[in-house]
Amino acid sequence: MWKRKLLVGALLASSIGLVPAIATAEVGIFLDIAPPAPRYEVVPAPRAGFIWAPGYWDWRSGRHSWVKGHWERQRAGYHWNESRWEQRDGRWALSRGGWERGERVAEERRERDHDHR
C-alpha cells in the first residue's frame, strides 16, 4: 500500500513540470477576419520595476475578444513584445506578446515596425 502511495506521489510531482510547457505552447492563429480597431485604454502611471503590456484582440470561441492591458514585472536583459495582428499572405495572424532576450533585437524590431508605418 505504501509503495502505491509513493508511486502516485512521484507521478504527480513529475507531472507538475509538464503543465507550464503545455500552457506556454503557442498555436498559430490565422484568420480571414480582420480584428476590430484597438480599444482605447488609459495607461496607468509608471510603476517601478514593471512595464505596461497593452490590451489586444484575441481570438476566443470563434470571435474576437478584448484582453485588457496588464502589468508585467521587468526582466533584466529582456524586452516585452506587444501582442499584435499582422497580415500575412492575405490572412490575419496573431503574434502574442511575450518577453524576448536582448536589447539589440528590440531595437531592430522598433526600426522594422517604424519602417512599415
PDB file of N, CA and C in Angstrom:
ATOM      1  N   MET A   1       0.826  -1.196   0.000  1.00  0.00           N
ATOM      2  CA  MET A   1       0.000   0.000   0.000  1.00  0.00           C
ATOM      3  C   MET A   1       0.867   1.256   0.000  1.00  0.00           C
ATOM      4  N   TRP A   2       1.896   1.302   0.842  1.00  0.00           N
ATOM      5  CA  TRP A   2       2.735   2.494   0.907  1.00  0.00           C
ATOM      6  C   TRP A   2       3.511   2.692  -0.401  1.00  0.00           C
ATOM      7  N   LYS A   3       3.847   1.563  -1.093  1.00  0.00           N
ATOM      8  CA  LYS A   3       4.544   1.684  -2.379  1.00  0.00           C
ATOM      9  C   LYS A   3       3.639   2.337  -3.417  1.00  0.00           C
ATOM     10  N   ARG A   4       2.369   1.986  -3.361  1.00  0.00           N
ATOM     11  CA  ARG A   4       1.409   2.565  -4.302  1.00  0.00           C
ATOM     12  C   ARG A   4       1.279   4.079  -4.077  1.00  0.00           C
ATOM     13  N   LYS A   5       1.186   4.493  -2.809  1.00  0.00           N
ATOM     14  CA  LYS A   5       1.098   5.917  -2.488  1.00  0.00           C
ATOM     15  C   LYS A   5       2.365   6.651  -2.930  1.00  0.00           C
ATOM     16  N   LEU A   6       3.504   6.024  -2.742  1.00  0.00           N
ATOM     17  CA  LEU A   6       4.772   6.617  -3.148  1.00  0.00           C
ATOM     18  C   LEU A   6       4.823   6.783  -4.676  1.00  0.00           C
ATOM     19  N   LEU A   7       4.360   5.761  -5.386  1.00  0.00           N
ATOM     20  CA  LEU A   7       4.345   5.824  -6.845  1.00  0.00           C
ATOM     21  C   LEU A   7       3.400   6.916  -7.338  1.00  0.00           C
ATOM     22  N   VAL A   8       2.213   7.006  -6.764  1.00  0.00           N
ATOM     23  CA  VAL A   8       1.250   8.040  -7.148  1.00  0.00           C
ATOM     24  C   VAL A   8       1.822   9.421  -6.855  1.00  0.00           C
ATOM     25  N   GLY A   9       2.441   9.589  -5.702  1.00  0.00           N
ATOM     26  CA  GLY A   9       3.056  10.873  -5.348  1.00  0.00           C
ATOM     27  C   GLY A   9       4.169  11.256  -6.307  1.00  0.00           C
ATOM     28  N   ALA A  10       4.995  10.294  -6.682  1.00  0.00           N
ATOM     29  CA  ALA A  10       6.085  10.560  -7.622  1.00  0.00           C
ATOM     30  C   ALA A  10       5.542  10.949  -8.992  1.00  0.00           C
ATOM     31  N   LEU A  11       4.491  10.276  -9.447  1.00  0.00           N
ATOM     32  CA  LEU A  11       3.886  10.617 -10.736  1.00  0.00           C
ATOM     33  C   LEU A  11       3.298  12.016 -10.717  1.00  0.00           C
ATOM     34  N   LEU A  12       2.614  12.368  -9.622  1.00  0.00           N
ATOM     35  CA  LEU A  12       2.051  13.710  -9.514  1.00  0.00           C
ATOM     36  C   LEU A  12       3.140  14.772  -9.511  1.00  0.00           C
ATOM     37  N   ALA A  13       4.182  14.531  -8.754  1.00  0.00           N
ATOM     38  CA  ALA A  13       5.281  15.502  -8.665  1.00  0.00           C
ATOM     39  C   ALA A  13       5.974  15.673 -10.011  1.00  0.00           C
ATOM     40  N   SER A  14       6.157  14.580 -10.733  1.00  0.00           N
ATOM     41  CA  SER A  14       6.838  14.687 -12.027  1.00  0.00           C
ATOM     42  C   SER A  14       5.966  15.355 -13.079  1.00  0.00           C
ATOM     43  N   SER A  15       4.656  15.278 -12.934  1.00  0.00           N
ATOM     44  CA  SER A  15       3.772  15.892 -13.932  1.00  0.00           C
ATOM     45  C   SER A  15       3.638  17.400 -13.740  1.00  0.00           C
ATOM     46  N   ILE A  16       4.012  17.934 -12.590  1.00  0.00           N
ATOM     47  CA  ILE A  16       3.904  19.369 -12.327  1.00  0.00           C
ATOM     48  C   ILE A  16       4.743  20.161 -13.317  1.00  0.00           C
ATOM     49  N   GLY A  17       5.910  19.687 -13.647  1.00  0.00           N
ATOM     50  CA  GLY A  17       6.769  20.390 -14.597  1.00  0.00           C
ATOM     51  C   GLY A  17       6.222  20.405 -16.016  1.00  0.00           C
ATOM     52  N   LEU A  18       5.304  19.520 -16.346  1.00  0.00           N
ATOM     53  CA  LEU A  18       4.747  19.465 -17.691  1.00  0.00           C
ATOM     54  C   LEU A  18       3.712  20.546 -17.937  1.00  0.00           C
ATOM     55  N   VAL A  19       3.024  20.978 -16.906  1.00  0.00           N
ATOM     56  CA  VAL A  19       1.944  21.951 -17.074  1.00  0.00           C
ATOM     57  C   VAL A  19       2.426  23.249 -17.696  1.00  0.00           C
ATOM     58  N   PRO A  20       3.508  23.889 -17.216  1.00  0.00           N
ATOM     59  CA  PRO A  20       3.936  25.138 -17.846  1.00  0.00           C
ATOM     60  C   PRO A  20       4.325  24.961 -19.311  1.00  0.00           C
ATOM     61  N   ALA A  21       4.955  23.853 -19.658  1.00  0.00           N
ATOM     62  CA  ALA A  21       5.349  23.643 -21.047  1.00  0.00           C
ATOM     63  C   ALA A  21       4.127  23.577 -21.945  1.00  0.00           C
ATOM     64  N   ILE A  22       3.098  22.915 -21.497  1.00  0.00           N
ATOM     65  CA  ILE A  22       1.875  22.807 -22.276  1.00  0.00           C
ATOM     66  C   ILE A  22       1.169  24.155 -22.317  1.00  0.00           C
ATOM     67  N   ALA A  23       1.122  24.852 -21.194  1.00  0.00           N
ATOM     68  CA  ALA A  23       0.396  26.115 -21.104  1.00  0.00           C
ATOM     69  C   ALA A  23       1.042  27.209 -21.955  1.00  0.00           C
ATOM     70  N   THR A  24       2.350  27.150 -22.171  1.00  0.00           N
ATOM     71  CA  THR A  24       3.012  28.200 -22.922  1.00  0.00           C
ATOM     72  C   THR A  24       3.176  27.873 -24.398  1.00  0.00           C
ATOM     73  N   ALA A  25       2.750  26.696 -24.818  1.00  0.00           N
ATOM     74  CA  ALA A  25       2.856  26.352 -26.237  1.00  0.00           C
ATOM     75  C   ALA A  25       1.948  27.268 -27.046  1.00  0.00           C
ATOM     76  N   GLU A  26       2.512  27.865 -28.090  1.00  0.00           N
ATOM     77  CA  GLU A  26       1.725  28.802 -28.905  1.00  0.00           C
ATOM     78  C   GLU A  26       1.219  28.101 -30.146  1.00  0.00           C
ATOM     79  N   VAL A  27      -0.044  28.275 -30.395  1.00  0.00           N
ATOM     80  CA  VAL A  27      -0.667  27.752 -31.594  1.00  0.00           C
ATOM     81  C   VAL A  27      -0.924  28.934 -32.513  1.00  0.00           C
ATOM     82  N   GLY A  28      -0.498  28.841 -33.753  1.00  0.00           N
ATOM     83  CA  GLY A  28      -0.707  29.938 -34.684  1.00  0.00           C
ATOM     84  C   GLY A  28      -2.178  30.131 -34.993  1.00  0.00           C
ATOM     85  N   ILE A  29      -2.613  31.381 -35.026  1.00  0.00           N
ATOM     86  CA  ILE A  29      -3.991  31.719 -35.366  1.00  0.00           C
ATOM     87  C   ILE A  29      -3.946  32.487 -36.674  1.00  0.00           C
ATOM     88  N   PHE A  30      -4.601  31.966 -37.695  1.00  0.00           N
ATOM     89  CA  PHE A  30      -4.681  32.614 -38.997  1.00  0.00           C
ATOM     90  C   PHE A  30      -6.145  32.747 -39.367  1.00  0.00           C
ATOM     91  N   LEU A  31      -6.582  33.981 -39.645  1.00  0.00           N
ATOM     92  CA  LEU A  31      -7.995  34.258 -39.923  1.00  0.00           C
ATOM     93  C   LEU A  31      -8.164  35.068 -41.190  1.00  0.00           C
ATOM     94  N   ASP A  32      -9.344  34.962 -41.762  1.00  0.00           N
ATOM     95  CA  ASP A  32      -9.729  35.826 -42.878  1.00  0.00           C
ATOM     96  C   ASP A  32     -10.445  37.063 -42.354  1.00  0.00           C
ATOM     97  N   ILE A  33     -10.724  37.099 -41.059  1.00  0.00           N
ATOM     98  CA  ILE A  33     -11.467  38.189 -40.436  1.00  0.00           C
ATOM     99  C   ILE A  33     -10.484  39.128 -39.734  1.00  0.00           C
ATOM    100  N   ALA A  34     -10.482  40.390 -40.142  1.00  0.00           N
ATOM    101  CA  ALA A  34      -9.590  41.370 -39.511  1.00  0.00           C
ATOM    102  C   ALA A  34     -10.053  41.658 -38.088  1.00  0.00           C
ATOM    103  N   PRO A  35      -9.118  41.921 -37.179  1.00  0.00           N
ATOM    104  CA  PRO A  35      -9.522  42.289 -35.826  1.00  0.00           C
ATOM    105  C   PRO A  35     -10.134  43.691 -35.823  1.00  0.00           C
ATOM    106  N   PRO A  36     -10.999  43.980 -34.865  1.00  0.00           N
ATOM    107  CA  PRO A  36     -11.523  45.347 -34.742  1.00  0.00           C
ATOM    108  C   PRO A  36     -10.384  46.317 -34.396  1.00  0.00           C
ATOM    109  N   ALA A  37     -10.669  47.592 -34.507  1.00  0.00           N
ATOM    110  CA  ALA A  37      -9.679  48.601 -34.106  1.00  0.00           C
ATOM    111  C   ALA A  37      -9.371  48.423 -32.616  1.00  0.00           C
ATOM    112  N   PRO A  38      -8.117  48.666 -32.211  1.00  0.00           N
ATOM    113  CA  PRO A  38      -7.789  48.539 -30.787  1.00  0.00           C
ATOM    114  C   PRO A  38      -8.672  49.455 -29.943  1.00  0.00           C
ATOM    115  N   ARG A  39      -9.003  48.998 -28.757  1.00  0.00           N
ATOM    116  CA  ARG A  39      -9.767  49.822 -27.819  1.00  0.00           C
ATOM    117  C   ARG A  39      -8.830  50.818 -27.152  1.00  0.00           C
ATOM    118  N   TYR A  40      -9.387  51.953 -26.789  1.00  0.00           N
ATOM    119  CA  TYR A  40      -8.610  52.945 -26.054  1.00  0.00           C
ATOM    120  C   TYR A  40      -8.526  52.493 -24.603  1.00  0.00           C
ATOM    121  N   GLU A  41      -7.332  52.439 -24.078  1.00  0.00           N
ATOM    122  CA  GLU A  41      -7.119  52.110 -22.670  1.00  0.00           C
ATOM    123  C   GLU A  41      -6.334  53.241 -22.020  1.00  0.00           C
ATOM    124  N   VAL A  42      -6.732  53.592 -20.841  1.00  0.00           N
ATOM    125  CA  VAL A  42      -5.962  54.561 -20.070  1.00  0.00           C
ATOM    126  C   VAL A  42      -4.752  53.817 -19.514  1.00  0.00           C
ATOM    127  N   VAL A  43      -3.581  54.275 -19.893  1.00  0.00           N
ATOM    128  CA  VAL A  43      -2.361  53.645 -19.403  1.00  0.00           C
ATOM    129  C   VAL A  43      -2.054  54.223 -18.029  1.00  0.00           C
ATOM    130  N   PRO A  44      -1.967  53.359 -17.023  1.00  0.00           N
ATOM    131  CA  PRO A  44      -1.686  53.859 -15.670  1.00  0.00           C
ATOM    132  C   PRO A  44      -0.307  54.507 -15.582  1.00  0.00           C
ATOM    133  N   ALA A  45      -0.114  55.281 -14.547  1.00  0.00           N
ATOM    134  CA  ALA A  45       1.191  55.904 -14.294  1.00  0.00           C
ATOM    135  C   ALA A  45       2.244  54.804 -14.150  1.00  0.00           C
ATOM    136  N   PRO A  46       3.474  55.081 -14.580  1.00  0.00           N
ATOM    137  CA  PRO A  46       4.538  54.068 -14.495  1.00  0.00           C
ATOM    138  C   PRO A  46       4.710  53.523 -13.079  1.00  0.00           C
ATOM    139  N   ARG A  47       5.068  52.255 -13.015  1.00  0.00           N
ATOM    140  CA  ARG A  47       5.365  51.583 -11.748  1.00  0.00           C
ATOM    141  C   ARG A  47       6.800  51.095 -11.802  1.00  0.00           C
ATOM    142  N   ALA A  48       7.560  51.397 -10.794  1.00  0.00           N
ATOM    143  CA  ALA A  48       8.962  50.964 -10.749  1.00  0.00           C
ATOM    144  C   ALA A  48       9.037  49.443 -10.813  1.00  0.00           C
ATOM    145  N   GLY A  49       9.878  48.939 -11.723  1.00  0.00           N
ATOM    146  CA  GLY A  49      10.089  47.502 -11.833  1.00  0.00           C
ATOM    147  C   GLY A  49       9.057  46.779 -12.688  1.00  0.00           C
ATOM    148  N   PHE A  50       8.155  47.524 -13.350  1.00  0.00           N
ATOM    149  CA  PHE A  50       7.112  46.906 -14.173  1.00  0.00           C
ATOM    150  C   PHE A  50       7.005  47.621 -15.511  1.00  0.00           C
ATOM    151  N   ILE A  51       6.471  46.923 -16.504  1.00  0.00           N
ATOM    152  CA  ILE A  51       6.135  47.544 -17.784  1.00  0.00           C
ATOM    153  C   ILE A  51       4.643  47.292 -18.015  1.00  0.00           C
ATOM    154  N   TRP A  52       4.012  48.173 -18.795  1.00  0.00           N
ATOM    155  CA  TRP A  52       2.603  48.026 -19.117  1.00  0.00           C
ATOM    156  C   TRP A  52       2.486  47.251 -20.432  1.00  0.00           C
ATOM    157  N   ALA A  53       1.802  46.122 -20.392  1.00  0.00           N
ATOM    158  CA  ALA A  53       1.511  45.333 -21.593  1.00  0.00           C
ATOM    159  C   ALA A  53       0.114  45.741 -22.059  1.00  0.00           C
ATOM    160  N   PRO A  54       0.007  46.464 -23.173  1.00  0.00           N
ATOM    161  CA  PRO A  54      -1.298  46.963 -23.609  1.00  0.00           C
ATOM    162  C   PRO A  54      -2.259  45.838 -23.980  1.00  0.00           C
ATOM    163  N   GLY A  55      -3.545  46.166 -23.949  1.00  0.00           N
ATOM    164  CA  GLY A  55      -4.568  45.204 -24.325  1.00  0.00           C
ATOM    165  C   GLY A  55      -4.525  44.908 -25.816  1.00  0.00           C
ATOM    166  N   TYR A  56      -5.201  43.832 -26.206  1.00  0.00           N
ATOM    167  CA  TYR A  56      -5.223  43.424 -27.612  1.00  0.00           C
ATOM    168  C   TYR A  56      -6.455  42.556 -27.864  1.00  0.00           C
ATOM    169  N   TRP A  57      -6.790  42.378 -29.125  1.00  0.00           N
ATOM    170  CA  TRP A  57      -7.880  41.487 -29.512  1.00  0.00           C
ATOM    171  C   TRP A  57      -7.337  40.072 -29.651  1.00  0.00           C
ATOM    172  N   ASP A  58      -7.895  39.144 -28.895  1.00  0.00           N
ATOM    173  CA  ASP A  58      -7.549  37.727 -29.002  1.00  0.00           C
ATOM    174  C   ASP A  58      -8.655  37.051 -29.804  1.00  0.00           C
ATOM    175  N   TRP A  59      -8.470  35.803 -30.164  1.00  0.00           N
ATOM    176  CA  TRP A  59      -9.496  35.025 -30.864  1.00  0.00           C
ATOM    177  C   TRP A  59      -9.933  33.908 -29.918  1.00  0.00           C
ATOM    178  N   ARG A  60     -11.173  34.005 -29.427  1.00  0.00           N
ATOM    179  CA  ARG A  60     -11.690  33.034 -28.453  1.00  0.00           C
ATOM    180  C   ARG A  60     -13.115  32.653 -28.821  1.00  0.00           C
ATOM    181  N   SER A  61     -13.397  31.399 -28.768  1.00  0.00           N
ATOM    182  CA  SER A  61     -14.753  30.881 -29.025  1.00  0.00           C
ATOM    183  C   SER A  61     -15.317  31.384 -30.358  1.00  0.00           C
ATOM    184  N   GLY A  62     -14.464  31.438 -31.374  1.00  0.00           N
ATOM    185  CA  GLY A  62     -14.917  31.805 -32.702  1.00  0.00           C
ATOM    186  C   GLY A  62     -15.176  33.280 -32.930  1.00  0.00           C
ATOM    187  N   ARG A  63     -14.622  34.136 -32.069  1.00  0.00           N
ATOM    188  CA  ARG A  63     -14.809  35.579 -32.262  1.00  0.00           C
ATOM    189  C   ARG A  63     -13.665  36.339 -31.607  1.00  0.00           C
ATOM    190  N   HIS A  64     -13.516  37.611 -31.993  1.00  0.00           N
ATOM    191  CA  HIS A  64     -12.506  38.461 -31.359  1.00  0.00           C
ATOM    192  C   HIS A  64     -12.990  38.836 -29.961  1.00  0.00           C
ATOM    193  N   SER A  65     -12.073  38.776 -29.015  1.00  0.00           N
ATOM    194  CA  SER A  65     -12.389  39.076 -27.617  1.00  0.00           C
ATOM    195  C   SER A  65     -11.274  39.960 -27.058  1.00  0.00           C
ATOM    196  N   TRP A  66     -11.655  41.082 -26.453  1.00  0.00           N
ATOM    197  CA  TRP A  66     -10.672  42.025 -25.928  1.00  0.00           C
ATOM    198  C   TRP A  66     -10.019  41.499 -24.658  1.00  0.00           C
ATOM    199  N   VAL A  67      -8.696  41.571 -24.614  1.00  0.00           N
ATOM    200  CA  VAL A  67      -7.914  41.218 -23.428  1.00  0.00           C
ATOM    201  C   VAL A  67      -7.344  42.530 -22.902  1.00  0.00           C
ATOM    202  N   LYS A  68      -7.689  42.881 -21.675  1.00  0.00           N
ATOM    203  CA  LYS A  68      -7.241  44.149 -21.091  1.00  0.00           C
ATOM    204  C   LYS A  68      -5.729  44.156 -20.868  1.00  0.00           C
ATOM    205  N   GLY A  69      -5.165  45.370 -20.912  1.00  0.00           N
ATOM    206  CA  GLY A  69      -3.751  45.537 -20.612  1.00  0.00           C
ATOM    207  C   GLY A  69      -3.463  45.160 -19.158  1.00  0.00           C
ATOM    208  N   HIS A  70      -2.203  44.886 -18.885  1.00  0.00           N
ATOM    209  CA  HIS A  70      -1.823  44.470 -17.525  1.00  0.00           C
ATOM    210  C   HIS A  70      -0.343  44.799 -17.279  1.00  0.00           C
ATOM    211  N   TRP A  71       0.042  44.762 -16.025  1.00  0.00           N
ATOM    212  CA  TRP A  71       1.434  44.994 -15.640  1.00  0.00           C
ATOM    213  C   TRP A  71       2.222  43.695 -15.767  1.00  0.00           C
ATOM    214  N   GLU A  72       3.450  43.818 -16.244  1.00  0.00           N
ATOM    215  CA  GLU A  72       4.402  42.703 -16.295  1.00  0.00           C
ATOM    216  C   GLU A  72       5.648  43.132 -15.527  1.00  0.00           C
ATOM    217  N   ARG A  73       6.129  42.257 -14.659  1.00  0.00           N
ATOM    218  CA  ARG A  73       7.364  42.569 -13.926  1.00  0.00           C
ATOM    219  C   ARG A  73       8.530  42.579 -14.907  1.00  0.00           C
ATOM    220  N   GLN A  74       9.364  43.636 -14.852  1.00  0.00           N
ATOM    221  CA  GLN A  74      10.512  43.736 -15.752  1.00  0.00           C
ATOM    222  C   GLN A  74      11.465  42.577 -15.536  1.00  0.00           C
ATOM    223  N   ARG A  75      12.140  42.197 -16.621  1.00  0.00           N
ATOM    224  CA  ARG A  75      13.131  41.127 -16.573  1.00  0.00           C
ATOM    225  C   ARG A  75      14.433  41.671 -17.146  1.00  0.00           C
ATOM    226  N   ALA A  76      15.492  41.637 -16.350  1.00  0.00           N
ATOM    227  CA  ALA A  76      16.790  42.152 -16.793  1.00  0.00           C
ATOM    228  C   ALA A  76      17.260  41.397 -18.036  1.00  0.00           C
ATOM    229  N   GLY A  77      17.708  42.159 -19.050  1.00  0.00           N
ATOM    230  CA  GLY A  77      18.217  41.541 -20.262  1.00  0.00           C
ATOM    231  C   GLY A  77      17.136  41.142 -21.256  1.00  0.00           C
ATOM    232  N   TYR A  78      15.873  41.476 -20.971  1.00  0.00           N
ATOM    233  CA  TYR A  78      14.756  41.134 -21.853  1.00  0.00           C
ATOM    234  C   TYR A  78      13.944  42.388 -22.162  1.00  0.00           C
ATOM    235  N   HIS A  79      13.167  42.320 -23.220  1.00  0.00           N
ATOM    236  CA  HIS A  79      12.209  43.380 -23.522  1.00  0.00           C
ATOM    237  C   HIS A  79      10.866  42.727 -23.849  1.00  0.00           C
ATOM    238  N   TRP A  80       9.806  43.480 -23.706  1.00  0.00           N
ATOM    239  CA  TRP A  80       8.443  42.978 -23.912  1.00  0.00           C
ATOM    240  C   TRP A  80       7.988  43.293 -25.337  1.00  0.00           C
ATOM    241  N   ASN A  81       7.510  42.280 -26.041  1.00  0.00           N
ATOM    242  CA  ASN A  81       6.887  42.457 -27.353  1.00  0.00           C
ATOM    243  C   ASN A  81       5.386  42.457 -27.155  1.00  0.00           C
ATOM    244  N   GLU A  82       4.724  43.469 -27.673  1.00  0.00           N
ATOM    245  CA  GLU A  82       3.265  43.556 -27.544  1.00  0.00           C
ATOM    246  C   GLU A  82       2.583  42.541 -28.454  1.00  0.00           C
ATOM    247  N   SER A  83       1.401  42.077 -28.045  1.00  0.00           N
ATOM    248  CA  SER A  83       0.586  41.235 -28.917  1.00  0.00           C
ATOM    249  C   SER A  83       0.107  42.094 -30.071  1.00  0.00           C
ATOM    250  N   ARG A  84       0.084  41.514 -31.263  1.00  0.00           N
ATOM    251  CA  ARG A  84      -0.360  42.283 -32.432  1.00  0.00           C
ATOM    252  C   ARG A  84      -0.835  41.344 -33.532  1.00  0.00           C
ATOM    253  N   TRP A  85      -1.719  41.879 -34.358  1.00  0.00           N
ATOM    254  CA  TRP A  85      -2.210  41.183 -35.537  1.00  0.00           C
ATOM    255  C   TRP A  85      -1.448  41.705 -36.743  1.00  0.00           C
ATOM    256  N   GLU A  86      -1.044  40.802 -37.628  1.00  0.00           N
ATOM    257  CA  GLU A  86      -0.330  41.172 -38.839  1.00  0.00           C
ATOM    258  C   GLU A  86      -0.965  40.448 -40.015  1.00  0.00           C
ATOM    259  N   GLN A  87      -0.966  41.099 -41.165  1.00  0.00           N
ATOM    260  CA  GLN A  87      -1.458  40.436 -42.363  1.00  0.00           C
ATOM    261  C   GLN A  87      -0.324  39.667 -43.002  1.00  0.00           C
ATOM    262  N   ARG A  88      -0.591  38.389 -43.290  1.00  0.00           N
ATOM    263  CA  ARG A  88       0.384  37.517 -43.937  1.00  0.00           C
ATOM    264  C   ARG A  88      -0.330  36.751 -45.050  1.00  0.00           C
ATOM    265  N   ASP A  89       0.121  36.929 -46.237  1.00  0.00           N
ATOM    266  CA  ASP A  89      -0.465  36.235 -47.390  1.00  0.00           C
ATOM    267  C   ASP A  89      -1.979  36.388 -47.447  1.00  0.00           C
ATOM    268  N   GLY A  90      -2.458  37.602 -47.169  1.00  0.00           N
ATOM    269  CA  GLY A  90      -3.886  37.883 -47.266  1.00  0.00           C
ATOM    270  C   GLY A  90      -4.720  37.412 -46.095  1.00  0.00           C
ATOM    271  N   ARG A  91      -4.087  36.875 -45.059  1.00  0.00           N
ATOM    272  CA  ARG A  91      -4.800  36.420 -43.864  1.00  0.00           C
ATOM    273  C   ARG A  91      -4.257  37.170 -42.658  1.00  0.00           C
ATOM    274  N   TRP A  92      -5.015  37.154 -41.587  1.00  0.00           N
ATOM    275  CA  TRP A  92      -4.598  37.823 -40.349  1.00  0.00           C
ATOM    276  C   TRP A  92      -3.991  36.800 -39.402  1.00  0.00           C
ATOM    277  N   ALA A  93      -2.817  37.139 -38.846  1.00  0.00           N
ATOM    278  CA  ALA A  93      -2.103  36.257 -37.926  1.00  0.00           C
ATOM    279  C   ALA A  93      -1.860  36.990 -36.619  1.00  0.00           C
ATOM    280  N   LEU A  94      -2.115  36.310 -35.510  1.00  0.00           N
ATOM    281  CA  LEU A  94      -1.881  36.886 -34.188  1.00  0.00           C
ATOM    282  C   LEU A  94      -0.497  36.500 -33.701  1.00  0.00           C
ATOM    283  N   SER A  95       0.305  37.506 -33.363  1.00  0.00           N
ATOM    284  CA  SER A  95       1.592  37.290 -32.697  1.00  0.00           C
ATOM    285  C   SER A  95       1.383  37.701 -31.242  1.00  0.00           C
ATOM    286  N   ARG A  96       1.375  36.725 -30.367  1.00  0.00           N
ATOM    287  CA  ARG A  96       1.135  37.008 -28.951  1.00  0.00           C
ATOM    288  C   ARG A  96       2.359  37.669 -28.328  1.00  0.00           C
ATOM    289  N   GLY A  97       2.090  38.563 -27.409  1.00  0.00           N
ATOM    290  CA  GLY A  97       3.157  39.265 -26.708  1.00  0.00           C
ATOM    291  C   GLY A  97       3.938  38.339 -25.802  1.00  0.00           C
ATOM    292  N   GLY A  98       5.131  38.767 -25.466  1.00  0.00           N
ATOM    293  CA  GLY A  98       5.958  37.985 -24.558  1.00  0.00           C
ATOM    294  C   GLY A  98       7.335  38.601 -24.429  1.00  0.00           C
ATOM    295  N   TRP A  99       8.120  38.018 -23.576  1.00  0.00           N
ATOM    296  CA  TRP A  99       9.473  38.503 -23.328  1.00  0.00           C
ATOM    297  C   TRP A  99      10.423  37.960 -24.372  1.00  0.00           C
ATOM    298  N   GLU A 100      11.365  38.816 -24.795  1.00  0.00           N
ATOM    299  CA  GLU A 100      12.399  38.419 -25.744  1.00  0.00           C
ATOM    300  C   GLU A 100      13.733  38.896 -25.212  1.00  0.00           C
ATOM    301  N   ARG A 101      14.729  38.055 -25.370  1.00  0.00           N
ATOM    302  CA  ARG A 101      16.048  38.350 -24.822  1.00  0.00           C
ATOM    303  C   ARG A 101      16.772  39.384 -25.685  1.00  0.00           C
ATOM    304  N   GLY A 102      17.440  40.322 -25.030  1.00  0.00           N
ATOM    305  CA  GLY A 102      18.362  41.231 -25.691  1.00  0.00           C
ATOM    306  C   GLY A 102      17.763  42.533 -26.175  1.00  0.00           C
ATOM    307  N   GLU A 103      18.496  43.612 -25.970  1.00  0.00           N
ATOM    308  CA  GLU A 103      18.057  44.938 -26.413  1.00  0.00           C
ATOM    309  C   GLU A 103      18.286  45.116 -27.914  1.00  0.00           C
ATOM    310  N   ARG A 104      19.306  44.479 -28.489  1.00  0.00           N
ATOM    311  CA  ARG A 104      19.584  44.612 -29.916  1.00  0.00           C
ATOM    312  C   ARG A 104      18.380  44.164 -30.740  1.00  0.00           C
ATOM    313  N   VAL A 105      17.789  43.056 -30.353  1.00  0.00           N
ATOM    314  CA  VAL A 105      16.615  42.541 -31.052  1.00  0.00           C
ATOM    315  C   VAL A 105      15.466  43.533 -30.928  1.00  0.00           C
ATOM    316  N   ALA A 106      15.309  44.125 -29.760  1.00  0.00           N
ATOM    317  CA  ALA A 106      14.242  45.105 -29.540  1.00  0.00           C
ATOM    318  C   ALA A 106      14.432  46.311 -30.447  1.00  0.00           C
ATOM    319  N   GLU A 107      15.659  46.791 -30.566  1.00  0.00           N
ATOM    320  CA  GLU A 107      15.933  47.948 -31.421  1.00  0.00           C
ATOM    321  C   GLU A 107      15.655  47.612 -32.884  1.00  0.00           C
ATOM    322  N   GLU A 108      16.052  46.427 -33.336  1.00  0.00           N
ATOM    323  CA  GLU A 108      15.778  46.014 -34.721  1.00  0.00           C
ATOM    324  C   GLU A 108      14.273  45.956 -34.984  1.00  0.00           C
ATOM    325  N   ARG A 109      13.516  45.444 -34.026  1.00  0.00           N
ATOM    326  CA  ARG A 109      12.067  45.348 -34.193  1.00  0.00           C
ATOM    327  C   ARG A 109      11.439  46.736 -34.252  1.00  0.00           C
ATOM    328  N   ARG A 110      11.892  47.658 -33.383  1.00  0.00           N
ATOM    329  CA  ARG A 110      11.362  49.024 -33.403  1.00  0.00           C
ATOM    330  C   ARG A 110      11.620  49.686 -34.755  1.00  0.00           C
ATOM    331  N   GLU A 111      12.830  49.491 -35.299  1.00  0.00           N
ATOM    332  CA  GLU A 111      13.161  50.063 -36.605  1.00  0.00           C
ATOM    333  C   GLU A 111      12.289  49.457 -37.702  1.00  0.00           C
ATOM    334  N   ARG A 112      12.113  48.150 -37.678  1.00  0.00           N
ATOM    335  CA  ARG A 112      11.297  47.478 -38.685  1.00  0.00           C
ATOM    336  C   ARG A 112       9.849  47.937 -38.608  1.00  0.00           C
ATOM    337  N   ASP A 113       9.318  48.010 -37.386  1.00  0.00           N
ATOM    338  CA  ASP A 113       7.925  48.447 -37.210  1.00  0.00           C
ATOM    339  C   ASP A 113       7.751  49.887 -37.660  1.00  0.00           C
ATOM    340  N   HIS A 114       8.738  50.739 -37.382  1.00  0.00           N
ATOM    341  CA  HIS A 114       8.664  52.142 -37.786  1.00  0.00           C
ATOM    342  C   HIS A 114       8.676  52.251 -39.315  1.00  0.00           C
ATOM    343  N   ASP A 115       9.465  51.412 -39.989  1.00  0.00           N
ATOM    344  CA  ASP A 115       9.561  51.441 -41.454  1.00  0.00           C
ATOM    345  C   ASP A 115       8.250  51.002 -42.115  1.00  0.00           C
ATOM    346  N   HIS A 116       7.444  50.193 -41.434  1.00  0.00           N
ATOM    347  CA  HIS A 116       6.201  49.670 -42.009  1.00  0.00           C
ATOM    348  C   HIS A 116       5.003  50.562 -41.756  1.00  0.00           C
ATOM    349  N   ARG A 117       5.198  51.700 -41.106  1.00  0.00           N
ATOM    350  CA  ARG A 117       4.070  52.599 -40.813  1.00  0.00           C
ATOM    351  C   ARG A 117       3.784  53.501 -41.967  1.00  0.00           C
TER     352      ARG A 117
END
